[in-house]
């Protein structure tokens, strides 16, 4: 994946996480970190699109914030498909 597509995926997941944390759950970074046992600074990097979480952290975030696969997968697949079109 090119840096741009990777950053698009990071940005999208970060934006989705922040929206669900703030609007749907009304959690602070500290509260989410406490619930899923992840450092709030790490969560902040994820939300700002600076880091894409590993699968375990991704699943913890998605479960705690009730992010359903229908909220994430279609957009993630679109980003990946765009990348694959560009390399073929």
PDB file of N, CA and C in Angstrom:
ATOM      1  N   UNK A   1       0.846  -1.165   0.000  1.00  0.00           N
ATOM      2  CA  UNK A   1       0.000   0.000   0.000  1.00  0.00           C
ATOM      3  C   UNK A   1       0.897   1.235   0.000  1.00  0.00           C
ATOM      4  N   UNK A   2       0.537   2.215  -0.799  1.00  0.00           N
ATOM      5  CA  UNK A   2       1.333   3.438  -0.806  1.00  0.00           C
ATOM      6  C   UNK A   2       1.103   4.200   0.493  1.00  0.00           C
ATOM      7  N   UNK A   3       1.974   5.150   0.735  1.00  0.00           N
ATOM      8  CA  UNK A   3       1.847   5.936   1.967  1.00  0.00           C
ATOM      9  C   UNK A   3       0.512   6.675   2.002  1.00  0.00           C
ATOM     10  N   UNK A   4       0.077   7.206   0.839  1.00  0.00           N
ATOM     11  CA  UNK A   4      -1.178   7.954   0.813  1.00  0.00           C
ATOM     12  C   UNK A   4      -2.372   7.062   1.162  1.00  0.00           C
ATOM     13  N   UNK A   5      -2.460   5.867   0.553  1.00  0.00           N
ATOM     14  CA  UNK A   5      -3.578   4.986   0.864  1.00  0.00           C
ATOM     15  C   UNK A   5      -3.540   4.538   2.320  1.00  0.00           C
ATOM     16  N   UNK A   6      -2.349   4.265   2.820  1.00  0.00           N
ATOM     17  CA  UNK A   6      -2.204   3.866   4.214  1.00  0.00           C
ATOM     18  C   UNK A   6      -2.686   4.991   5.121  1.00  0.00           C
ATOM     19  N   UNK A   7      -2.305   6.216   4.787  1.00  0.00           N
ATOM     20  CA  UNK A   7      -2.733   7.357   5.587  1.00  0.00           C
ATOM     21  C   UNK A   7      -4.235   7.588   5.469  1.00  0.00           C
ATOM     22  N   UNK A   8      -4.817   7.321   4.288  1.00  0.00           N
ATOM     23  CA  UNK A   8      -6.269   7.442   4.129  1.00  0.00           C
ATOM     24  C   UNK A   8      -6.981   6.487   5.086  1.00  0.00           C
ATOM     25  N   UNK A   9      -6.493   5.268   5.171  1.00  0.00           N
ATOM     26  CA  UNK A   9      -7.091   4.272   6.054  1.00  0.00           C
ATOM     27  C   UNK A   9      -6.914   4.683   7.518  1.00  0.00           C
ATOM     28  N   UNK A  10      -5.723   5.151   7.861  1.00  0.00           N
ATOM     29  CA  UNK A  10      -5.472   5.645   9.223  1.00  0.00           C
ATOM     30  C   UNK A  10      -6.435   6.777   9.561  1.00  0.00           C
ATOM     31  N   UNK A  11      -6.515   7.747   8.650  1.00  0.00           N
ATOM     32  CA  UNK A  11      -7.361   8.912   8.884  1.00  0.00           C
ATOM     33  C   UNK A  11      -8.819   8.501   9.046  1.00  0.00           C
ATOM     34  N   UNK A  12      -9.299   7.631   8.159  1.00  0.00           N
ATOM     35  CA  UNK A  12     -10.696   7.208   8.227  1.00  0.00           C
ATOM     36  C   UNK A  12     -10.999   6.498   9.546  1.00  0.00           C
ATOM     37  N   UNK A  13     -10.152   5.540   9.936  1.00  0.00           N
ATOM     38  CA  UNK A  13     -10.414   4.818  11.175  1.00  0.00           C
ATOM     39  C   UNK A  13     -10.320   5.761  12.372  1.00  0.00           C
ATOM     40  N   UNK A  14      -9.360   6.670  12.358  1.00  0.00           N
ATOM     41  CA  UNK A  14      -9.228   7.636  13.450  1.00  0.00           C
ATOM     42  C   UNK A  14     -10.445   8.523  13.591  1.00  0.00           C
ATOM     43  N   UNK A  15     -10.941   9.001  12.458  1.00  0.00           N
ATOM     44  CA  UNK A  15     -12.127   9.863  12.462  1.00  0.00           C
ATOM     45  C   UNK A  15     -13.351   9.095  12.976  1.00  0.00           C
ATOM     46  N   UNK A  16     -13.509   7.868  12.515  1.00  0.00           N
ATOM     47  CA  UNK A  16     -14.622   7.025  12.960  1.00  0.00           C
ATOM     48  C   UNK A  16     -14.538   6.761  14.461  1.00  0.00           C
ATOM     49  N   UNK A  17     -13.343   6.457  14.943  1.00  0.00           N
ATOM     50  CA  UNK A  17     -13.134   6.201  16.373  1.00  0.00           C
ATOM     51  C   UNK A  17     -13.483   7.429  17.198  1.00  0.00           C
ATOM     52  N   UNK A  18     -12.971   8.580  16.793  1.00  0.00           N
ATOM     53  CA  UNK A  18     -13.241   9.815  17.538  1.00  0.00           C
ATOM     54  C   UNK A  18     -14.737  10.121  17.567  1.00  0.00           C
ATOM     55  N   UNK A  19     -15.392   9.968  16.422  1.00  0.00           N
ATOM     56  CA  UNK A  19     -16.833  10.243  16.357  1.00  0.00           C
ATOM     57  C   UNK A  19     -17.603   9.325  17.308  1.00  0.00           C
ATOM     58  N   UNK A  20     -17.323   8.041  17.269  1.00  0.00           N
ATOM     59  CA  UNK A  20     -18.031   7.107  18.149  1.00  0.00           C
ATOM     60  C   UNK A  20     -17.697   7.357  19.619  1.00  0.00           C
ATOM     61  N   UNK A  21     -16.456   7.681  19.899  1.00  0.00           N
ATOM     62  CA  UNK A  21     -16.053   7.929  21.290  1.00  0.00           C
ATOM     63  C   UNK A  21     -16.760   9.158  21.848  1.00  0.00           C
ATOM     64  N   UNK A  22     -16.767  10.231  21.087  1.00  0.00           N
ATOM     65  CA  UNK A  22     -17.331  11.494  21.579  1.00  0.00           C
ATOM     66  C   UNK A  22     -18.859  11.538  21.516  1.00  0.00           C
ATOM     67  N   UNK A  23     -19.408  11.166  20.380  1.00  0.00           N
ATOM     68  CA  UNK A  23     -20.836  11.359  20.149  1.00  0.00           C
ATOM     69  C   UNK A  23     -21.673  10.200  20.676  1.00  0.00           C
ATOM     70  N   UNK A  24     -21.259   8.988  20.361  1.00  0.00           N
ATOM     71  CA  UNK A  24     -22.098   7.836  20.711  1.00  0.00           C
ATOM     72  C   UNK A  24     -21.895   7.360  22.150  1.00  0.00           C
ATOM     73  N   UNK A  25     -20.689   7.502  22.672  1.00  0.00           N
ATOM     74  CA  UNK A  25     -20.413   7.006  24.021  1.00  0.00           C
ATOM     75  C   UNK A  25     -20.104   8.120  25.027  1.00  0.00           C
ATOM     76  N   UNK A  26     -19.801   9.316  24.542  1.00  0.00           N
ATOM     77  CA  UNK A  26     -19.437  10.431  25.406  1.00  0.00           C
ATOM     78  C   UNK A  26     -18.278  10.065  26.335  1.00  0.00           C
ATOM     79  N   UNK A  27     -17.274   9.400  25.776  1.00  0.00           N
ATOM     80  CA  UNK A  27     -16.082   8.992  26.524  1.00  0.00           C
ATOM     81  C   UNK A  27     -14.949   9.985  26.288  1.00  0.00           C
ATOM     82  N   UNK A  28     -14.152  10.195  27.299  1.00  0.00           N
ATOM     83  CA  UNK A  28     -12.877  10.884  27.114  1.00  0.00           C
ATOM     84  C   UNK A  28     -11.875   9.846  26.620  1.00  0.00           C
ATOM     85  N   UNK A  29     -10.724  10.304  26.151  1.00  0.00           N
ATOM     86  CA  UNK A  29      -9.660   9.367  25.783  1.00  0.00           C
ATOM     87  C   UNK A  29      -9.252   8.526  26.986  1.00  0.00           C
ATOM     88  N   UNK A  30      -9.209   9.166  28.138  1.00  0.00           N
ATOM     89  CA  UNK A  30      -8.813   8.464  29.358  1.00  0.00           C
ATOM     90  C   UNK A  30      -9.810   7.359  29.714  1.00  0.00           C
ATOM     91  N   UNK A  31     -11.097   7.651  29.572  1.00  0.00           N
ATOM     92  CA  UNK A  31     -12.134   6.668  29.881  1.00  0.00           C
ATOM     93  C   UNK A  31     -12.053   5.481  28.918  1.00  0.00           C
ATOM     94  N   UNK A  32     -11.908   5.759  27.620  1.00  0.00           N
ATOM     95  CA  UNK A  32     -11.786   4.671  26.653  1.00  0.00           C
ATOM     96  C   UNK A  32     -10.530   3.855  26.939  1.00  0.00           C
ATOM     97  N   UNK A  33      -9.435   4.533  27.198  1.00  0.00           N
ATOM     98  CA  UNK A  33      -8.193   3.833  27.511  1.00  0.00           C
ATOM     99  C   UNK A  33      -8.327   2.923  28.721  1.00  0.00           C
ATOM    100  N   UNK A  34      -9.002   3.417  29.737  1.00  0.00           N
ATOM    101  CA  UNK A  34      -9.221   2.628  30.943  1.00  0.00           C
ATOM    102  C   UNK A  34     -10.083   1.393  30.642  1.00  0.00           C
ATOM    103  N   UNK A  35     -11.116   1.568  29.854  1.00  0.00           N
ATOM    104  CA  UNK A  35     -12.037   0.470  29.544  1.00  0.00           C
ATOM    105  C   UNK A  35     -11.370  -0.637  28.734  1.00  0.00           C
ATOM    106  N   UNK A  36     -10.484  -0.252  27.802  1.00  0.00           N
ATOM    107  CA  UNK A  36      -9.886  -1.268  26.925  1.00  0.00           C
ATOM    108  C   UNK A  36      -8.412  -1.537  27.242  1.00  0.00           C
ATOM    109  N   UNK A  37      -7.920  -0.893  28.307  1.00  0.00           N
ATOM    110  CA  UNK A  37      -6.537  -1.088  28.759  1.00  0.00           C
ATOM    111  C   UNK A  37      -5.517  -0.735  27.665  1.00  0.00           C
ATOM    112  N   UNK A  38      -5.708   0.458  27.084  1.00  0.00           N
ATOM    113  CA  UNK A  38      -4.791   1.007  26.084  1.00  0.00           C
ATOM    114  C   UNK A  38      -4.460   2.431  26.509  1.00  0.00           C
ATOM    115  N   UNK A  39      -3.194   2.793  26.417  1.00  0.00           N
ATOM    116  CA  UNK A  39      -2.740   4.125  26.815  1.00  0.00           C
ATOM    117  C   UNK A  39      -3.491   5.210  26.034  1.00  0.00           C
ATOM    118  N   UNK A  40      -4.026   6.224  26.714  1.00  0.00           N
ATOM    119  CA  UNK A  40      -4.745   7.305  26.033  1.00  0.00           C
ATOM    120  C   UNK A  40      -3.898   8.023  24.986  1.00  0.00           C
ATOM    121  N   UNK A  41      -2.581   8.118  25.197  1.00  0.00           N
ATOM    122  CA  UNK A  41      -1.709   8.752  24.197  1.00  0.00           C
ATOM    123  C   UNK A  41      -1.702   7.938  22.902  1.00  0.00           C
ATOM    124  N   UNK A  42      -1.716   6.635  23.035  1.00  0.00           N
ATOM    125  CA  UNK A  42      -1.775   5.759  21.858  1.00  0.00           C
ATOM    126  C   UNK A  42      -3.109   5.943  21.134  1.00  0.00           C
ATOM    127  N   UNK A  43      -4.190   6.019  21.897  1.00  0.00           N
ATOM    128  CA  UNK A  43      -5.510   6.249  21.309  1.00  0.00           C
ATOM    129  C   UNK A  43      -5.554   7.589  20.583  1.00  0.00           C
ATOM    130  N   UNK A  44      -4.917   8.587  21.145  1.00  0.00           N
ATOM    131  CA  UNK A  44      -4.866   9.904  20.510  1.00  0.00           C
ATOM    132  C   UNK A  44      -4.164   9.828  19.161  1.00  0.00           C
ATOM    133  N   UNK A  45      -3.055   9.090  19.078  1.00  0.00           N
ATOM    134  CA  UNK A  45      -2.340   8.924  17.804  1.00  0.00           C
ATOM    135  C   UNK A  45      -3.226   8.215  16.779  1.00  0.00           C
ATOM    136  N   UNK A  46      -3.993   7.244  17.235  1.00  0.00           N
ATOM    137  CA  UNK A  46      -4.916   6.532  16.338  1.00  0.00           C
ATOM    138  C   UNK A  46      -5.975   7.498  15.809  1.00  0.00           C
ATOM    139  N   UNK A  47      -6.568   8.267  16.702  1.00  0.00           N
ATOM    140  CA  UNK A  47      -7.633   9.194  16.301  1.00  0.00           C
ATOM    141  C   UNK A  47      -7.130  10.284  15.362  1.00  0.00           C
ATOM    142  N   UNK A  48      -5.886  10.669  15.500  1.00  0.00           N
ATOM    143  CA  UNK A  48      -5.322  11.700  14.616  1.00  0.00           C
ATOM    144  C   UNK A  48      -4.811  11.130  13.298  1.00  0.00           C
ATOM    145  N   UNK A  49      -4.945   9.817  13.120  1.00  0.00           N
ATOM    146  CA  UNK A  49      -4.507   9.193  11.880  1.00  0.00           C
ATOM    147  C   UNK A  49      -3.012   8.990  11.788  1.00  0.00           C
ATOM    148  N   UNK A  50      -2.333   9.067  12.918  1.00  0.00           N
ATOM    149  CA  UNK A  50      -0.880   8.886  12.943  1.00  0.00           C
ATOM    150  C   UNK A  50      -0.492   7.422  13.063  1.00  0.00           C
ATOM    151  N   UNK A  51      -1.451   6.582  13.447  1.00  0.00           N
ATOM    152  CA  UNK A  51      -1.158   5.162  13.663  1.00  0.00           C
ATOM    153  C   UNK A  51      -2.408   4.341  13.401  1.00  0.00           C
ATOM    154  N   UNK A  52      -2.241   3.247  12.676  1.00  0.00           N
ATOM    155  CA  UNK A  52      -3.333   2.299  12.488  1.00  0.00           C
ATOM    156  C   UNK A  52      -3.135   1.196  13.518  1.00  0.00           C
ATOM    157  N   UNK A  53      -4.146   0.919  14.347  1.00  0.00           N
ATOM    158  CA  UNK A  53      -3.953  -0.055  15.418  1.00  0.00           C
ATOM    159  C   UNK A  53      -3.802  -1.479  14.899  1.00  0.00           C
ATOM    160  N   UNK A  54      -3.156  -2.300  15.701  1.00  0.00           N
ATOM    161  CA  UNK A  54      -3.105  -3.725  15.417  1.00  0.00           C
ATOM    162  C   UNK A  54      -4.495  -4.320  15.580  1.00  0.00           C
ATOM    163  N   UNK A  55      -4.647  -5.544  15.161  1.00  0.00           N
ATOM    164  CA  UNK A  55      -5.968  -6.177  15.140  1.00  0.00           C
ATOM    165  C   UNK A  55      -6.593  -6.287  16.533  1.00  0.00           C
ATOM    166  N   UNK A  56      -5.799  -6.597  17.557  1.00  0.00           N
ATOM    167  CA  UNK A  56      -6.352  -6.725  18.915  1.00  0.00           C
ATOM    168  C   UNK A  56      -6.874  -5.376  19.410  1.00  0.00           C
ATOM    169  N   UNK A  57      -6.075  -4.327  19.234  1.00  0.00           N
ATOM    170  CA  UNK A  57      -6.515  -2.990  19.659  1.00  0.00           C
ATOM    171  C   UNK A  57      -7.715  -2.541  18.832  1.00  0.00           C
ATOM    172  N   UNK A  58      -7.675  -2.815  17.536  1.00  0.00           N
ATOM    173  CA  UNK A  58      -8.803  -2.483  16.663  1.00  0.00           C
ATOM    174  C   UNK A  58     -10.088  -3.129  17.179  1.00  0.00           C
ATOM    175  N   UNK A  59     -10.014  -4.409  17.500  1.00  0.00           N
ATOM    176  CA  UNK A  59     -11.201  -5.121  17.987  1.00  0.00           C
ATOM    177  C   UNK A  59     -11.670  -4.602  19.339  1.00  0.00           C
ATOM    178  N   UNK A  60     -10.731  -4.269  20.218  1.00  0.00           N
ATOM    179  CA  UNK A  60     -11.108  -3.699  21.523  1.00  0.00           C
ATOM    180  C   UNK A  60     -11.850  -2.377  21.339  1.00  0.00           C
ATOM    181  N   UNK A  61     -11.305  -1.512  20.469  1.00  0.00           N
ATOM    182  CA  UNK A  61     -11.922  -0.209  20.220  1.00  0.00           C
ATOM    183  C   UNK A  61     -13.318  -0.414  19.613  1.00  0.00           C
ATOM    184  N   UNK A  62     -13.390  -1.236  18.579  1.00  0.00           N
ATOM    185  CA  UNK A  62     -14.663  -1.459  17.893  1.00  0.00           C
ATOM    186  C   UNK A  62     -15.717  -2.021  18.850  1.00  0.00           C
ATOM    187  N   UNK A  63     -15.312  -2.965  19.684  1.00  0.00           N
ATOM    188  CA  UNK A  63     -16.267  -3.566  20.625  1.00  0.00           C
ATOM    189  C   UNK A  63     -16.740  -2.539  21.657  1.00  0.00           C
ATOM    190  N   UNK A  64     -15.812  -1.843  22.274  1.00  0.00           N
ATOM    191  CA  UNK A  64     -16.174  -0.896  23.331  1.00  0.00           C
ATOM    192  C   UNK A  64     -17.025   0.260  22.804  1.00  0.00           C
ATOM    193  N   UNK A  65     -16.715   0.735  21.601  1.00  0.00           N
ATOM    194  CA  UNK A  65     -17.438   1.878  21.052  1.00  0.00           C
ATOM    195  C   UNK A  65     -18.617   1.463  20.179  1.00  0.00           C
ATOM    196  N   UNK A  66     -18.839   0.145  20.088  1.00  0.00           N
ATOM    197  CA  UNK A  66     -19.941  -0.387  19.288  1.00  0.00           C
ATOM    198  C   UNK A  66     -19.859   0.072  17.834  1.00  0.00           C
ATOM    199  N   UNK A  67     -18.644   0.008  17.286  1.00  0.00           N
ATOM    200  CA  UNK A  67     -18.438   0.291  15.868  1.00  0.00           C
ATOM    201  C   UNK A  67     -18.681  -1.015  15.132  1.00  0.00           C
ATOM    202  N   UNK A  68     -19.713  -1.036  14.334  1.00  0.00           N
ATOM    203  CA  UNK A  68     -20.072  -2.243  13.608  1.00  0.00           C
ATOM    204  C   UNK A  68     -19.286  -2.331  12.311  1.00  0.00           C
ATOM    205  N   UNK A  69     -19.069  -3.547  11.842  1.00  0.00           N
ATOM    206  CA  UNK A  69     -18.296  -3.738  10.625  1.00  0.00           C
ATOM    207  C   UNK A  69     -18.910  -2.969   9.451  1.00  0.00           C
ATOM    208  N   UNK A  70     -20.199  -2.770   9.454  1.00  0.00           N
ATOM    209  CA  UNK A  70     -20.841  -2.015   8.381  1.00  0.00           C
ATOM    210  C   UNK A  70     -20.461  -0.540   8.403  1.00  0.00           C
ATOM    211  N   UNK A  71     -19.972  -0.058   9.539  1.00  0.00           N
ATOM    212  CA  UNK A  71     -19.513   1.325   9.640  1.00  0.00           C
ATOM    213  C   UNK A  71     -18.105   1.484   9.090  1.00  0.00           C
ATOM    214  N   UNK A  72     -17.335   0.409   9.120  1.00  0.00           N
ATOM    215  CA  UNK A  72     -15.920   0.504   8.775  1.00  0.00           C
ATOM    216  C   UNK A  72     -15.542  -0.207   7.491  1.00  0.00           C
ATOM    217  N   UNK A  73     -15.983  -1.447   7.330  1.00  0.00           N
ATOM    218  CA  UNK A  73     -15.485  -2.279   6.235  1.00  0.00           C
ATOM    219  C   UNK A  73     -15.741  -1.729   4.836  1.00  0.00           C
ATOM    220  N   UNK A  74     -16.930  -1.225   4.502  1.00  0.00           N
ATOM    221  CA  UNK A  74     -17.120  -0.738   3.127  1.00  0.00           C
ATOM    222  C   UNK A  74     -16.112   0.357   2.738  1.00  0.00           C
ATOM    223  N   UNK A  75     -15.890   1.311   3.635  1.00  0.00           N
ATOM    224  CA  UNK A  75     -14.952   2.391   3.329  1.00  0.00           C
ATOM    225  C   UNK A  75     -13.517   1.871   3.267  1.00  0.00           C
ATOM    226  N   UNK A  76     -13.154   0.970   4.170  1.00  0.00           N
ATOM    227  CA  UNK A  76     -11.804   0.400   4.165  1.00  0.00           C
ATOM    228  C   UNK A  76     -11.571  -0.375   2.874  1.00  0.00           C
ATOM    229  N   UNK A  77     -12.556  -1.147   2.439  1.00  0.00           N
ATOM    230  CA  UNK A  77     -12.430  -1.914   1.200  1.00  0.00           C
ATOM    231  C   UNK A  77     -12.299  -0.983   0.001  1.00  0.00           C
ATOM    232  N   UNK A  78     -13.033   0.105  -0.005  1.00  0.00           N
ATOM    233  CA  UNK A  78     -12.935   1.082  -1.091  1.00  0.00           C
ATOM    234  C   UNK A  78     -11.521   1.664  -1.168  1.00  0.00           C
ATOM    235  N   UNK A  79     -10.942   2.003  -0.034  1.00  0.00           N
ATOM    236  CA  UNK A  79      -9.580   2.544  -0.009  1.00  0.00           C
ATOM    237  C   UNK A  79      -8.590   1.508  -0.543  1.00  0.00           C
ATOM    238  N   UNK A  80      -8.737   0.262  -0.114  1.00  0.00           N
ATOM    239  CA  UNK A  80      -7.838  -0.806  -0.568  1.00  0.00           C
ATOM    240  C   UNK A  80      -8.026  -1.061  -2.065  1.00  0.00           C
ATOM    241  N   UNK A  81      -9.262  -1.082  -2.549  1.00  0.00           N
ATOM    242  CA  UNK A  81      -9.509  -1.281  -3.980  1.00  0.00           C
ATOM    243  C   UNK A  81      -8.909  -0.154  -4.820  1.00  0.00           C
ATOM    244  N   UNK A  82      -8.996   1.066  -4.334  1.00  0.00           N
ATOM    245  CA  UNK A  82      -8.386   2.203  -5.044  1.00  0.00           C
ATOM    246  C   UNK A  82      -6.888   1.981  -5.170  1.00  0.00           C
ATOM    247  N   UNK A  83      -6.280   1.516  -4.100  1.00  0.00           N
ATOM    248  CA  UNK A  83      -4.847   1.242  -4.102  1.00  0.00           C
ATOM    249  C   UNK A  83      -4.510   0.154  -5.121  1.00  0.00           C
ATOM    250  N   UNK A  84      -5.281  -0.928  -5.121  1.00  0.00           N
ATOM    251  CA  UNK A  84      -5.006  -2.053  -6.016  1.00  0.00           C
ATOM    252  C   UNK A  84      -5.164  -1.647  -7.472  1.00  0.00           C
ATOM    253  N   UNK A  85      -6.128  -0.792  -7.790  1.00  0.00           N
ATOM    254  CA  UNK A  85      -6.296  -0.303  -9.163  1.00  0.00           C
ATOM    255  C   UNK A  85      -5.066   0.476  -9.608  1.00  0.00           C
ATOM    256  N   UNK A  86      -4.486   1.222  -8.698  1.00  0.00           N
ATOM    257  CA  UNK A  86      -3.328   2.059  -9.033  1.00  0.00           C
ATOM    258  C   UNK A  86      -2.064   1.263  -9.276  1.00  0.00           C
ATOM    259  N   UNK A  87      -1.970   0.054  -8.723  1.00  0.00           N
ATOM    260  CA  UNK A  87      -0.741  -0.716  -8.897  1.00  0.00           C
ATOM    261  C   UNK A  87      -0.832  -1.711 -10.045  1.00  0.00           C
ATOM    262  N   UNK A  88      -2.010  -1.893 -10.613  1.00  0.00           N
ATOM    263  CA  UNK A  88      -2.156  -2.871 -11.709  1.00  0.00           C
ATOM    264  C   UNK A  88      -2.078  -2.197 -13.048  1.00  0.00           C
TER     265      UNK A  88
END
